[in-house]
Amino acid sequence: MNTNPTNLVTEAVARQYWRGPSSGLQAWDVVTPNRASSNIGEFALLLPGEEQVVLTKEVFLLRVTGGETSGWSPFYLLWALSLKAVRMQWQRIALMQTNREDCGKRYREILIPMPGDKASADARCAAFRDYFTTLASGRAKFVAALTTSGIEYIASALSLVPTSENGESAEADASETDQSDPNGGVERETAPKKKVRTPRNVTKSPRP
């Protein structure tokens, strides 16, 4: 996953969306958009250390929960989902609904090749396993080097909670705000502010 610095939130805010201390995501989970995106069916793999993110409801999250002895693994799953024959099936699955693409329950119609046996499955996805485990190892070394350097970096470099100007964690500031919130930190719905626009062909009157 690529970190977008404009989409970073504090951990306190993230916990409100998670409704708990963690996201519930696991390393090597496979994720794809499922609505309103041209990338439906294009999957990303969560590396170790990327689990604490906030996902929208409009994604599919796939996880291998068994079958390791038969050849199933996150890398085999990603290999299978990356095949062109599999990717083209999403063109039929993602239907246009008014002005938005929607998969609904039709994702269950996607067919992928079975592993067969562990040896052949591991051989097929070896390149995926080597690439992503190398990325994970490199990322771990990168984060360790930055966190032990004694130098403060921008939040997007580590995807960590940014600090305020006085050096205190922004998470602590947010936590204090949550404690004083009579709603217990639950996000409240507020009416959107109305914007008044002046038509282009109308000239504003000068103030007296």
Protein backbone atom coordinates (compact mmCIF):
# COMPACT_ATOMS: atom_id res chain seq x y z
CA MET A 1 0.00 0.00 0.00
CA ASN A 2 1.16 3.52 -0.76
CA THR A 3 0.73 6.06 2.03
CA ASN A 4 -1.08 9.22 0.99
CA PRO A 5 0.02 12.00 3.38
CA THR A 6 -3.28 13.85 2.82
CA ASN A 7 -5.25 10.92 4.24
CA LEU A 8 -3.43 10.45 7.55
CA VAL A 9 -5.42 10.54 10.80
CA THR A 10 -4.38 10.26 14.41
CA GLU A 11 -4.67 6.92 16.16
CA ALA A 12 -7.38 8.36 18.41
CA VAL A 13 -9.54 9.12 15.38
CA ALA A 14 -8.76 5.73 13.85
CA ARG A 15 -9.93 3.96 17.02
CA GLN A 16 -13.31 5.62 16.68
CA TYR A 17 -13.72 4.05 13.25
CA TRP A 18 -12.29 0.71 14.41
CA ARG A 19 -14.51 0.82 17.52
CA GLY A 20 -11.62 -0.69 19.41
CA PRO A 21 -7.86 -0.50 19.97
CA SER A 22 -6.92 -2.06 16.61
CA SER A 23 -8.18 -2.39 13.06
CA GLY A 24 -8.57 -6.17 13.11
CA LEU A 25 -6.53 -6.40 9.91
CA GLN A 26 -3.66 -8.87 9.59
CA ALA A 27 -0.44 -8.92 7.63
CA TRP A 28 -0.85 -10.43 4.16
CA ASP A 29 -4.56 -9.61 3.93
CA VAL A 30 -5.61 -9.01 0.33
CA VAL A 31 -7.71 -5.92 -0.41
CA THR A 32 -9.47 -4.48 -3.46
CA PRO A 33 -12.07 -1.74 -4.04
CA ASN A 34 -15.55 -3.08 -4.74
CA ARG A 35 -17.44 0.03 -5.74
CA ALA A 36 -17.06 3.27 -7.68
CA SER A 37 -13.52 2.54 -8.86
CA SER A 38 -11.83 1.46 -12.07
CA ASN A 39 -9.51 -0.63 -9.88
CA ILE A 40 -12.17 -3.16 -8.86
CA GLY A 41 -10.47 -6.55 -8.90
CA GLU A 42 -6.97 -5.09 -8.63
CA PHE A 43 -5.67 -6.32 -5.29
CA ALA A 44 -3.16 -4.92 -2.81
CA LEU A 45 -1.35 -6.90 -0.13
CA LEU A 46 -0.98 -5.59 3.41
CA LEU A 47 2.63 -5.87 4.55
CA PRO A 48 3.56 -6.44 8.20
CA GLY A 49 3.33 -3.05 9.89
CA GLU A 50 0.57 -1.77 7.59
CA GLU A 51 -2.30 -3.33 9.53
CA GLN A 52 -3.26 -0.20 11.47
CA VAL A 53 -5.15 1.54 8.68
CA VAL A 54 -8.73 2.67 8.28
CA LEU A 55 -10.54 1.06 5.37
CA THR A 56 -13.83 2.21 3.91
CA LYS A 57 -16.82 -0.11 3.62
CA GLU A 58 -16.41 -0.19 -0.15
CA VAL A 59 -13.62 -2.77 -0.24
CA PHE A 60 -13.30 -6.53 -0.35
CA LEU A 61 -10.97 -8.01 2.26
CA LEU A 62 -9.78 -11.56 1.56
CA ARG A 63 -7.80 -13.67 4.02
CA VAL A 64 -6.45 -17.21 3.82
CA THR A 65 -7.61 -18.96 6.99
CA GLY A 66 -6.65 -22.55 6.23
CA GLY A 67 -5.58 -25.04 3.61
CA GLU A 68 -1.86 -24.41 3.99
CA THR A 69 -1.08 -28.09 3.52
CA SER A 70 -2.97 -28.01 0.22
CA GLY A 71 -1.00 -25.04 -1.08
CA TRP A 72 -3.19 -22.12 -0.05
CA SER A 73 -1.31 -19.00 1.07
CA PRO A 74 -1.77 -15.24 0.70
CA PHE A 75 0.87 -15.30 -2.04
CA TYR A 76 -0.89 -18.04 -3.98
CA LEU A 77 -4.18 -16.18 -3.61
CA LEU A 78 -2.63 -12.97 -4.93
CA TRP A 79 -0.96 -14.90 -7.75
CA ALA A 80 -4.32 -16.39 -8.77
CA LEU A 81 -6.11 -13.04 -8.56
CA SER A 82 -3.37 -11.44 -10.70
CA LEU A 83 -3.93 -13.79 -13.64
CA LYS A 84 -5.35 -12.01 -16.68
CA ALA A 85 -8.05 -14.65 -17.11
CA VAL A 86 -9.20 -13.98 -13.55
CA ARG A 87 -8.87 -10.21 -13.80
CA MET A 88 -11.09 -10.08 -16.90
CA GLN A 89 -13.92 -11.75 -14.99
CA TRP A 90 -14.37 -8.57 -12.96
CA GLN A 91 -15.52 -6.77 -16.11
CA ARG A 92 -18.64 -8.93 -15.96
CA ILE A 93 -18.95 -8.79 -12.16
CA ALA A 94 -18.70 -4.99 -11.78
CA LEU A 95 -21.98 -3.71 -13.23
CA MET A 96 -22.92 -0.07 -13.65
CA GLN A 97 -25.60 1.00 -11.17
CA THR A 98 -26.80 4.51 -12.01
CA ASN A 99 -23.47 6.35 -12.03
CA ARG A 100 -21.52 3.96 -9.79
CA GLU A 101 -19.96 0.58 -10.34
CA ASP A 102 -21.20 -2.03 -7.90
CA CYS A 103 -20.18 -5.67 -7.35
CA GLY A 104 -22.81 -6.71 -4.83
CA LYS A 105 -22.65 -10.44 -4.10
CA ARG A 106 -21.44 -11.24 -7.61
CA TYR A 107 -17.81 -11.41 -6.47
CA ARG A 108 -18.61 -14.99 -5.45
CA GLU A 109 -18.84 -15.85 -9.15
CA ILE A 110 -15.11 -15.19 -9.68
CA LEU A 111 -13.27 -18.43 -10.49
CA ILE A 112 -9.60 -18.96 -9.64
CA PRO A 113 -7.40 -22.03 -10.21
CA MET A 114 -7.09 -24.48 -7.34
CA PRO A 115 -3.61 -25.05 -5.87
CA GLY A 116 -3.53 -28.76 -6.66
CA ASP A 117 -0.75 -29.54 -4.17
CA LYS A 118 1.54 -27.50 -1.96
CA ALA A 119 4.72 -28.04 -4.00
CA SER A 120 3.21 -26.85 -7.28
CA ALA A 121 1.36 -23.99 -5.59
CA ASP A 122 4.52 -22.74 -3.89
CA ALA A 123 6.38 -22.92 -7.21
CA ARG A 124 3.70 -20.88 -8.99
CA CYS A 125 3.65 -18.07 -6.45
CA ALA A 126 7.37 -18.12 -5.61
CA ALA A 127 8.02 -14.79 -7.34
CA PHE A 128 5.16 -13.15 -5.42
CA ARG A 129 6.39 -14.58 -2.12
CA ASP A 130 9.99 -13.50 -2.71
CA TYR A 131 9.01 -9.99 -3.82
CA PHE A 132 6.60 -9.16 -1.01
CA THR A 133 8.64 -10.76 1.77
CA THR A 134 11.64 -8.77 0.54
CA LEU A 135 9.52 -5.60 0.65
CA ALA A 136 8.41 -6.45 4.18
CA SER A 137 11.98 -7.04 5.32
CA GLY A 138 13.17 -3.80 3.73
CA ARG A 139 10.32 -1.85 5.27
CA ALA A 140 11.07 -3.24 8.73
CA LYS A 141 14.72 -2.19 8.43
CA PHE A 142 13.70 1.24 7.13
CA VAL A 143 11.27 1.90 9.99
CA ALA A 144 13.78 0.64 12.57
CA ALA A 145 16.48 2.93 11.21
CA LEU A 146 14.22 5.99 11.28
CA THR A 147 12.74 5.36 14.71
CA THR A 148 16.14 4.86 16.33
CA SER A 149 17.86 7.77 14.58
CA GLY A 150 16.74 10.37 17.12
CA ILE A 151 15.51 12.58 14.27
CA GLU A 152 11.88 13.60 13.83
CA TYR A 153 10.44 12.84 10.40
CA ILE A 154 7.19 13.78 8.69
CA ALA A 155 4.25 11.49 9.46
CA SER A 156 4.04 9.96 6.00
CA ALA A 157 7.59 8.62 6.28
CA LEU A 158 6.49 6.19 8.97
CA SER A 159 2.71 6.49 8.81
CA LEU A 160 2.82 7.34 12.51
CA VAL A 161 0.85 9.84 14.56
CA PRO A 162 2.30 13.32 13.86
CA THR A 163 3.54 15.47 16.71
CA SER A 164 2.42 18.98 17.50
CA GLU A 165 4.69 22.01 17.61
CA ASN A 166 5.39 21.57 21.33
CA GLY A 167 6.65 18.03 20.72
CA GLU A 168 3.66 16.27 22.25
CA SER A 169 1.83 13.58 20.34
CA ALA A 170 -1.26 14.70 18.50
CA GLU A 171 -2.86 11.48 19.68
CA ALA A 172 -2.65 12.70 23.28
CA ASP A 173 -4.37 15.95 22.31
CA ALA A 174 -7.09 14.01 20.56
CA SER A 175 -7.51 11.70 23.55
CA GLU A 176 -8.06 14.67 25.84
CA THR A 177 -10.68 15.97 23.45
CA ASP A 178 -12.40 12.56 23.42
CA GLN A 179 -12.50 12.47 27.24
CA SER A 180 -14.30 15.80 27.35
CA ASP A 181 -16.74 14.71 24.65
CA PRO A 182 -20.18 14.10 26.22
CA ASN A 183 -20.86 11.52 23.52
CA GLY A 184 -17.93 9.38 24.64
CA GLY A 185 -15.86 9.98 21.54
CA VAL A 186 -18.61 8.84 19.15
CA GLU A 187 -18.60 10.81 15.96
CA ARG A 188 -21.59 13.10 15.75
CA GLU A 189 -23.40 13.98 12.55
CA THR A 190 -23.46 17.67 11.82
CA ALA A 191 -25.38 19.49 9.16
CA PRO A 192 -23.18 20.57 6.26
CA LYS A 193 -22.45 24.26 6.00
CA LYS A 194 -24.25 25.99 3.19
CA LYS A 195 -22.18 27.91 0.69
CA VAL A 196 -23.71 30.98 -0.95
CA ARG A 197 -22.52 31.58 -4.47
CA THR A 198 -22.84 34.75 -6.48
CA PRO A 199 -23.92 34.19 -10.10
CA ARG A 200 -21.28 35.14 -12.60
CA ASN A 201 -23.56 37.61 -14.41
CA VAL A 202 -24.49 39.52 -11.23
CA THR A 203 -22.28 42.29 -9.88
CA LYS A 204 -21.97 42.67 -6.14
CA SER A 205 -23.16 45.99 -4.79
CA PRO A 206 -20.45 48.06 -3.12
CA ARG A 207 -20.67 48.40 0.63
CA PRO A 208 -21.82 51.84 1.88
